[in-house]
PDB file of N, CA and C in Angstrom:
ATOM      1  N   MET A   1     154.571 -58.070  83.038  1.00  0.00           N
ATOM      2  CA  MET A   1     155.115 -57.041  82.192  1.00  0.00           C
ATOM      3  C   MET A   1     156.537 -56.697  82.681  1.00  0.00           C
ATOM      4  N   ASP A   2     157.450 -56.596  81.774  1.00  0.00           N
ATOM      5  CA  ASP A   2     158.824 -56.260  82.125  1.00  0.00           C
ATOM      6  C   ASP A   2     159.078 -54.866  81.550  1.00  0.00           C
ATOM      7  N   GLU A   3     159.621 -53.965  82.364  1.00  0.00           N
ATOM      8  CA  GLU A   3     159.850 -52.616  81.887  1.00  0.00           C
ATOM      9  C   GLU A   3     161.328 -52.255  82.075  1.00  0.00           C
ATOM     10  N   ASN A   4     161.901 -51.686  81.029  1.00  0.00           N
ATOM     11  CA  ASN A   4     163.303 -51.224  81.064  1.00  0.00           C
ATOM     12  C   ASN A   4     163.302 -49.745  80.738  1.00  0.00           C
ATOM     13  N   VAL A   5     164.029 -48.973  81.551  1.00  0.00           N
ATOM     14  CA  VAL A   5     164.123 -47.533  81.389  1.00  0.00           C
ATOM     15  C   VAL A   5     165.580 -47.178  81.062  1.00  0.00           C
ATOM     16  N   PHE A   6     165.823 -46.602  79.913  1.00  0.00           N
ATOM     17  CA  PHE A   6     167.175 -46.187  79.531  1.00  0.00           C
ATOM     18  C   PHE A   6     167.223 -44.668  79.691  1.00  0.00           C
ATOM     19  N   VAL A   7     168.137 -44.193  80.568  1.00  0.00           N
ATOM     20  CA  VAL A   7     168.279 -42.786  80.796  1.00  0.00           C
ATOM     21  C   VAL A   7     169.219 -42.162  79.786  1.00  0.00           C
ATOM     22  N   ILE A   8     168.698 -41.291  78.984  1.00  0.00           N
ATOM     23  CA  ILE A   8     169.466 -40.630  77.940  1.00  0.00           C
ATOM     24  C   ILE A   8     170.227 -39.452  78.499  1.00  0.00           C
ATOM     25  N   LYS A   9     169.550 -38.661  79.382  1.00  0.00           N
ATOM     26  CA  LYS A   9     170.170 -37.467  79.936  1.00  0.00           C
ATOM     27  C   LYS A   9     169.679 -37.270  81.353  1.00  0.00           C
ATOM     28  N   GLY A  10     170.531 -36.855  82.241  1.00  0.00           N
ATOM     29  CA  GLY A  10     170.108 -36.563  83.633  1.00  0.00           C
ATOM     30  C   GLY A  10     170.139 -37.742  84.541  1.00  0.00           C
ATOM     31  N   THR A  11     169.357 -37.616  85.618  1.00  0.00           N
ATOM     32  CA  THR A  11     169.283 -38.616  86.647  1.00  0.00           C
ATOM     33  C   THR A  11     167.812 -38.848  87.004  1.00  0.00           C
ATOM     34  N   LEU A  12     167.412 -40.056  87.195  1.00  0.00           N
ATOM     35  CA  LEU A  12     166.073 -40.371  87.670  1.00  0.00           C
ATOM     36  C   LEU A  12     166.161 -41.068  89.006  1.00  0.00           C
ATOM     37  N   HIS A  13     165.191 -40.790  89.869  1.00  0.00           N
ATOM     38  CA  HIS A  13     165.117 -41.428  91.197  1.00  0.00           C
ATOM     39  C   HIS A  13     163.989 -42.444  91.127  1.00  0.00           C
ATOM     40  N   CYS A  14     164.261 -43.679  91.523  1.00  0.00           N
ATOM     41  CA  CYS A  14     163.271 -44.734  91.457  1.00  0.00           C
ATOM     42  C   CYS A  14     163.011 -45.268  92.873  1.00  0.00           C
ATOM     43  N   ARG A  15     161.729 -45.443  93.184  1.00  0.00           N
ATOM     44  CA  ARG A  15     161.275 -46.117  94.381  1.00  0.00           C
ATOM     45  C   ARG A  15     160.532 -47.340  93.953  1.00  0.00           C
ATOM     46  N   TYR A  16     160.761 -48.483  94.662  1.00  0.00           N
ATOM     47  CA  TYR A  16     160.097 -49.726  94.263  1.00  0.00           C
ATOM     48  C   TYR A  16     159.927 -50.611  95.481  1.00  0.00           C
ATOM     49  N   LEU A  17     159.076 -51.611  95.319  1.00  0.00           N
ATOM     50  CA  LEU A  17     158.873 -52.619  96.350  1.00  0.00           C
ATOM     51  C   LEU A  17     159.620 -53.874  95.966  1.00  0.00           C
ATOM     52  N   GLU A  18     160.336 -54.413  96.946  1.00  0.00           N
ATOM     53  CA  GLU A  18     161.005 -55.680  96.741  1.00  0.00           C
ATOM     54  C   GLU A  18     160.749 -56.541  97.980  1.00  0.00           C
ATOM     55  N   ASN A  19     159.988 -57.615  97.780  1.00  0.00           N
ATOM     56  CA  ASN A  19     159.562 -58.498  98.886  1.00  0.00           C
ATOM     57  C   ASN A  19     158.851 -57.709  99.957  1.00  0.00           C
ATOM     58  N   GLY A  20     157.992 -56.768  99.523  1.00  0.00           N
ATOM     59  CA  GLY A  20     157.193 -55.989 100.496  1.00  0.00           C
ATOM     60  C   GLY A  20     157.949 -54.834 101.153  1.00  0.00           C
ATOM     61  N   GLU A  21     159.222 -54.677 100.849  1.00  0.00           N
ATOM     62  CA  GLU A  21     160.032 -53.602 101.438  1.00  0.00           C
ATOM     63  C   GLU A  21     160.279 -52.520 100.410  1.00  0.00           C
ATOM     64  N   GLU A  22     160.104 -51.228 100.829  1.00  0.00           N
ATOM     65  CA  GLU A  22     160.356 -50.130  99.921  1.00  0.00           C
ATOM     66  C   GLU A  22     161.821 -49.880  99.807  1.00  0.00           C
ATOM     67  N   LYS A  23     162.273 -49.810  98.550  1.00  0.00           N
ATOM     68  CA  LYS A  23     163.716 -49.512  98.236  1.00  0.00           C
ATOM     69  C   LYS A  23     163.765 -48.355  97.285  1.00  0.00           C
ATOM     70  N   GLU A  24     164.953 -47.814  97.110  1.00  0.00           N
ATOM     71  CA  GLU A  24     165.106 -46.719  96.156  1.00  0.00           C
ATOM     72  C   GLU A  24     166.515 -46.699  95.592  1.00  0.00           C
ATOM     73  N   CYS A  25     166.648 -46.087  94.428  1.00  0.00           N
ATOM     74  CA  CYS A  25     167.957 -45.961  93.784  1.00  0.00           C
ATOM     75  C   CYS A  25     167.911 -44.794  92.789  1.00  0.00           C
ATOM     76  N   ASP A  26     169.094 -44.328  92.412  1.00  0.00           N
ATOM     77  CA  ASP A  26     169.225 -43.296  91.380  1.00  0.00           C
ATOM     78  C   ASP A  26     169.802 -43.981  90.120  1.00  0.00           C
ATOM     79  N   VAL A  27     169.262 -43.581  88.948  1.00  0.00           N
ATOM     80  CA  VAL A  27     169.686 -44.109  87.720  1.00  0.00           C
ATOM     81  C   VAL A  27     170.284 -42.962  86.926  1.00  0.00           C
ATOM     82  N   GLN A  28     171.585 -43.086  86.554  1.00  0.00           N
ATOM     83  CA  GLN A  28     172.330 -42.016  85.926  1.00  0.00           C
ATOM     84  C   GLN A  28     172.227 -42.125  84.408  1.00  0.00           C
ATOM     85  N   GLU A  29     172.659 -41.082  83.763  1.00  0.00           N
ATOM     86  CA  GLU A  29     172.757 -40.950  82.292  1.00  0.00           C
ATOM     87  C   GLU A  29     173.501 -42.234  81.772  1.00  0.00           C
ATOM     88  N   HIS A  30     172.918 -42.809  80.691  1.00  0.00           N
ATOM     89  CA  HIS A  30     173.403 -43.977  79.993  1.00  0.00           C
ATOM     90  C   HIS A  30     173.292 -45.273  80.824  1.00  0.00           C
ATOM     91  N   GLU A  31     172.506 -45.289  81.876  1.00  0.00           N
ATOM     92  CA  GLU A  31     172.267 -46.511  82.615  1.00  0.00           C
ATOM     93  C   GLU A  31     170.864 -47.042  82.265  1.00  0.00           C
ATOM     94  N   VAL A  32     170.663 -48.309  82.540  1.00  0.00           N
ATOM     95  CA  VAL A  32     169.350 -48.921  82.315  1.00  0.00           C
ATOM     96  C   VAL A  32     168.817 -49.399  83.641  1.00  0.00           C
ATOM     97  N   LEU A  33     167.567 -49.125  83.895  1.00  0.00           N
ATOM     98  CA  LEU A  33     166.833 -49.576  85.070  1.00  0.00           C
ATOM     99  C   LEU A  33     165.883 -50.639  84.579  1.00  0.00           C
ATOM    100  N   ARG A  34     166.003 -51.827  85.135  1.00  0.00           N
ATOM    101  CA  ARG A  34     165.084 -52.929  84.772  1.00  0.00           C
ATOM    102  C   ARG A  34     164.096 -53.115  85.904  1.00  0.00           C
ATOM    103  N   VAL A  35     162.847 -52.880  85.629  1.00  0.00           N
ATOM    104  CA  VAL A  35     161.776 -53.046  86.610  1.00  0.00           C
ATOM    105  C   VAL A  35     160.945 -54.253  86.161  1.00  0.00           C
ATOM    106  N   LEU A  36     161.064 -55.313  86.923  1.00  0.00           N
ATOM    107  CA  LEU A  36     160.330 -56.538  86.508  1.00  0.00           C
ATOM    108  C   LEU A  36     158.854 -56.385  86.840  1.00  0.00           C
ATOM    109  N   HIS A  37     158.349 -57.045  87.787  1.00  0.00           N
ATOM    110  CA  HIS A  37     156.892 -57.026  88.082  1.00  0.00           C
ATOM    111  C   HIS A  37     156.605 -56.225  89.379  1.00  0.00           C
ATOM    112  N   SER A  38     157.485 -55.292  89.749  1.00  0.00           N
ATOM    113  CA  SER A  38     157.273 -54.635  91.021  1.00  0.00           C
ATOM    114  C   SER A  38     156.507 -53.299  90.828  1.00  0.00           C
ATOM    115  N   VAL A  39     155.880 -52.892  91.910  1.00  0.00           N
ATOM    116  CA  VAL A  39     155.243 -51.569  91.946  1.00  0.00           C
ATOM    117  C   VAL A  39     156.388 -50.576  92.053  1.00  0.00           C
ATOM    118  N   HIS A  40     156.327 -49.506  91.236  1.00  0.00           N
ATOM    119  CA  HIS A  40     157.468 -48.549  91.267  1.00  0.00           C
ATOM    120  C   HIS A  40     157.004 -47.159  90.831  1.00  0.00           C
ATOM    121  N   THR A  41     157.802 -46.201  91.200  1.00  0.00           N
ATOM    122  CA  THR A  41     157.658 -44.785  90.712  1.00  0.00           C
ATOM    123  C   THR A  41     159.021 -44.330  90.252  1.00  0.00           C
ATOM    124  N   ILE A  42     158.979 -43.476  89.220  1.00  0.00           N
ATOM    125  CA  ILE A  42     160.244 -42.857  88.747  1.00  0.00           C
ATOM    126  C   ILE A  42     159.991 -41.357  88.688  1.00  0.00           C
ATOM    127  N   GLU A  43     160.983 -40.601  89.192  1.00  0.00           N
ATOM    128  CA  GLU A  43     160.815 -39.148  89.174  1.00  0.00           C
ATOM    129  C   GLU A  43     162.195 -38.465  88.943  1.00  0.00           C
ATOM    130  N   ASN A  44     162.078 -37.251  88.441  1.00  0.00           N
ATOM    131  CA  ASN A  44     163.267 -36.410  88.325  1.00  0.00           C
ATOM    132  C   ASN A  44     163.185 -35.437  89.508  1.00  0.00           C
ATOM    133  N   ASP A  45     164.000 -35.682  90.543  1.00  0.00           N
ATOM    134  CA  ASP A  45     163.962 -34.812  91.695  1.00  0.00           C
ATOM    135  C   ASP A  45     165.131 -33.794  91.691  1.00  0.00           C
ATOM    136  N   THR A  46     165.647 -33.478  90.530  1.00  0.00           N
ATOM    137  CA  THR A  46     166.741 -32.510  90.387  1.00  0.00           C
ATOM    138  C   THR A  46     166.193 -31.287  89.579  1.00  0.00           C
ATOM    139  N   ASP A  47     167.013 -30.252  89.483  1.00  0.00           N
ATOM    140  CA  ASP A  47     166.675 -29.058  88.713  1.00  0.00           C
ATOM    141  C   ASP A  47     167.131 -29.241  87.250  1.00  0.00           C
ATOM    142  N   GLN A  48     167.771 -30.341  86.920  1.00  0.00           N
ATOM    143  CA  GLN A  48     168.268 -30.608  85.572  1.00  0.00           C
ATOM    144  C   GLN A  48     167.191 -31.374  84.767  1.00  0.00           C
ATOM    145  N   THR A  49     167.215 -31.188  83.436  1.00  0.00           N
ATOM    146  CA  THR A  49     166.336 -31.915  82.551  1.00  0.00           C
ATOM    147  C   THR A  49     166.755 -33.411  82.532  1.00  0.00           C
ATOM    148  N   ALA A  50     165.769 -34.260  82.538  1.00  0.00           N
ATOM    149  CA  ALA A  50     166.027 -35.705  82.372  1.00  0.00           C
ATOM    150  C   ALA A  50     165.250 -36.186  81.133  1.00  0.00           C
ATOM    151  N   GLU A  51     165.916 -37.016  80.384  1.00  0.00           N
ATOM    152  CA  GLU A  51     165.295 -37.656  79.177  1.00  0.00           C
ATOM    153  C   GLU A  51     165.507 -39.166  79.311  1.00  0.00           C
ATOM    154  N   PHE A  52     164.471 -39.892  79.003  1.00  0.00           N
ATOM    155  CA  PHE A  52     164.560 -41.343  79.053  1.00  0.00           C
ATOM    156  C   PHE A  52     163.603 -42.027  78.127  1.00  0.00           C
ATOM    157  N   VAL A  53     163.864 -43.303  77.853  1.00  0.00           N
ATOM    158  CA  VAL A  53     163.038 -44.088  76.957  1.00  0.00           C
ATOM    159  C   VAL A  53     162.586 -45.321  77.764  1.00  0.00           C
ATOM    160  N   VAL A  54     161.297 -45.676  77.665  1.00  0.00           N
ATOM    161  CA  VAL A  54     160.767 -46.852  78.364  1.00  0.00           C
ATOM    162  C   VAL A  54     160.459 -47.922  77.354  1.00  0.00           C
ATOM    163  N   PHE A  55     160.986 -49.090  77.585  1.00  0.00           N
ATOM    164  CA  PHE A  55     160.688 -50.282  76.784  1.00  0.00           C
ATOM    165  C   PHE A  55     159.870 -51.246  77.635  1.00  0.00           C
ATOM    166  N   ARG A  56     158.705 -51.634  77.140  1.00  0.00           N
ATOM    167  CA  ARG A  56     157.823 -52.524  77.902  1.00  0.00           C
ATOM    168  C   ARG A  56     157.624 -53.807  77.127  1.00  0.00           C
ATOM    169  N   TYR A  57     157.811 -54.949  77.820  1.00  0.00           N
ATOM    170  CA  TYR A  57     157.662 -56.249  77.194  1.00  0.00           C
ATOM    171  C   TYR A  57     156.612 -57.061  77.924  1.00  0.00           C
ATOM    172  N   ILE A  58     155.795 -57.727  77.147  1.00  0.00           N
ATOM    173  CA  ILE A  58     154.765 -58.583  77.698  1.00  0.00           C
ATOM    174  C   ILE A  58     155.042 -59.997  77.173  1.00  0.00           C
ATOM    175  N   PRO A  59     155.579 -60.888  77.950  1.00  0.00           N
ATOM    176  CA  PRO A  59     156.082 -62.155  77.468  1.00  0.00           C
ATOM    177  C   PRO A  59     155.001 -63.165  77.018  1.00  0.00           C
ATOM    178  N   GLN A  60     153.734 -62.955  77.286  1.00  0.00           N
ATOM    179  CA  GLN A  60     152.742 -63.929  76.969  1.00  0.00           C
ATOM    180  C   GLN A  60     152.478 -64.041  75.448  1.00  0.00           C
ATOM    181  N   GLY A  61     152.921 -63.100  74.655  1.00  0.00           N
ATOM    182  CA  GLY A  61     152.677 -63.125  73.230  1.00  0.00           C
ATOM    183  C   GLY A  61     151.241 -62.726  72.845  1.00  0.00           C
ATOM    184  N   LYS A  62     150.567 -62.063  73.747  1.00  0.00           N
ATOM    185  CA  LYS A  62     149.194 -61.620  73.477  1.00  0.00           C
ATOM    186  C   LYS A  62     149.217 -60.139  73.201  1.00  0.00           C
ATOM    187  N   ASP A  63     148.114 -59.660  72.603  1.00  0.00           N
ATOM    188  CA  ASP A  63     147.943 -58.206  72.367  1.00  0.00           C
ATOM    189  C   ASP A  63     147.388 -57.600  73.692  1.00  0.00           C
ATOM    190  N   ASN A  64     148.256 -56.931  74.426  1.00  0.00           N
ATOM    191  CA  ASN A  64     147.868 -56.344  75.705  1.00  0.00           C
ATOM    192  C   ASN A  64     147.946 -54.799  75.664  1.00  0.00           C
ATOM    193  N   ARG A  65     147.691 -54.221  74.502  1.00  0.00           N
ATOM    194  CA  ARG A  65     147.779 -52.791  74.425  1.00  0.00           C
ATOM    195  C   ARG A  65     146.805 -52.091  75.366  1.00  0.00           C
ATOM    196  N   GLU A  66     145.622 -52.613  75.548  1.00  0.00           N
ATOM    197  CA  GLU A  66     144.663 -51.954  76.476  1.00  0.00           C
ATOM    198  C   GLU A  66     145.143 -52.091  77.919  1.00  0.00           C
ATOM    199  N   ALA A  67     145.714 -53.196  78.287  1.00  0.00           N
ATOM    200  CA  ALA A  67     146.267 -53.327  79.638  1.00  0.00           C
ATOM    201  C   ALA A  67     147.383 -52.349  79.918  1.00  0.00           C
ATOM    202  N   ILE A  68     148.228 -52.110  78.931  1.00  0.00           N
ATOM    203  CA  ILE A  68     149.321 -51.162  79.086  1.00  0.00           C
ATOM    204  C   ILE A  68     148.778 -49.737  79.246  1.00  0.00           C
ATOM    205  N   LYS A  69     147.752 -49.389  78.480  1.00  0.00           N
ATOM    206  CA  LYS A  69     147.167 -48.061  78.619  1.00  0.00           C
ATOM    207  C   LYS A  69     146.518 -47.762  79.966  1.00  0.00           C
ATOM    208  N   LYS A  70     146.066 -48.803  80.597  1.00  0.00           N
ATOM    209  CA  LYS A  70     145.322 -48.616  81.868  1.00  0.00           C
ATOM    210  C   LYS A  70     146.081 -49.066  83.120  1.00  0.00           C
ATOM    211  N   ASP A  71     147.375 -49.308  83.046  1.00  0.00           N
ATOM    212  CA  ASP A  71     148.089 -49.868  84.201  1.00  0.00           C
ATOM    213  C   ASP A  71     148.734 -48.805  85.104  1.00  0.00           C
ATOM    214  N   LYS A  72     148.440 -47.554  84.858  1.00  0.00           N
ATOM    215  CA  LYS A  72     149.071 -46.466  85.661  1.00  0.00           C
ATOM    216  C   LYS A  72     148.038 -45.800  86.574  1.00  0.00           C
ATOM    217  N   THR A  73     148.549 -45.313  87.750  1.00  0.00           N
ATOM    218  CA  THR A  73     147.729 -44.608  88.660  1.00  0.00           C
ATOM    219  C   THR A  73     148.450 -43.301  89.032  1.00  0.00           C
ATOM    220  N   ALA A  74     147.814 -42.155  88.916  1.00  0.00           N
ATOM    221  CA  ALA A  74     148.452 -40.907  89.315  1.00  0.00           C
ATOM    222  C   ALA A  74     148.450 -40.794  90.858  1.00  0.00           C
ATOM    223  N   VAL A  75     149.565 -40.373  91.381  1.00  0.00           N
ATOM    224  CA  VAL A  75     149.738 -40.242  92.803  1.00  0.00           C
ATOM    225  C   VAL A  75     150.107 -38.791  93.115  1.00  0.00           C
ATOM    226  N   LYS A  76     149.378 -38.144  93.949  1.00  0.00           N
ATOM    227  CA  LYS A  76     149.677 -36.759  94.334  1.00  0.00           C
ATOM    228  C   LYS A  76     150.212 -36.747  95.753  1.00  0.00           C
ATOM    229  N   ARG A  77     151.241 -35.966  95.952  1.00  0.00           N
ATOM    230  CA  ARG A  77     151.823 -35.873  97.313  1.00  0.00           C
ATOM    231  C   ARG A  77     151.523 -34.564  97.920  1.00  0.00           C
TER     232      ARG A  77
END
């Protein structure tokens, strides 16, 4: 699954795994974050409102709606 996040307003903080190493970045207004097949979290860690759109692509050409619905895990800190 390929996921692209377009930030409409504000800033999002992203944490992700790359080759087993945890990395992080900030994505600003009007930027696109492309998350390929990595484990990741996205959060708004500011006091400002953030708005974004997520586009998800499944290249196999199959109906994977159920997989998309069940691929998230809530994490409490």
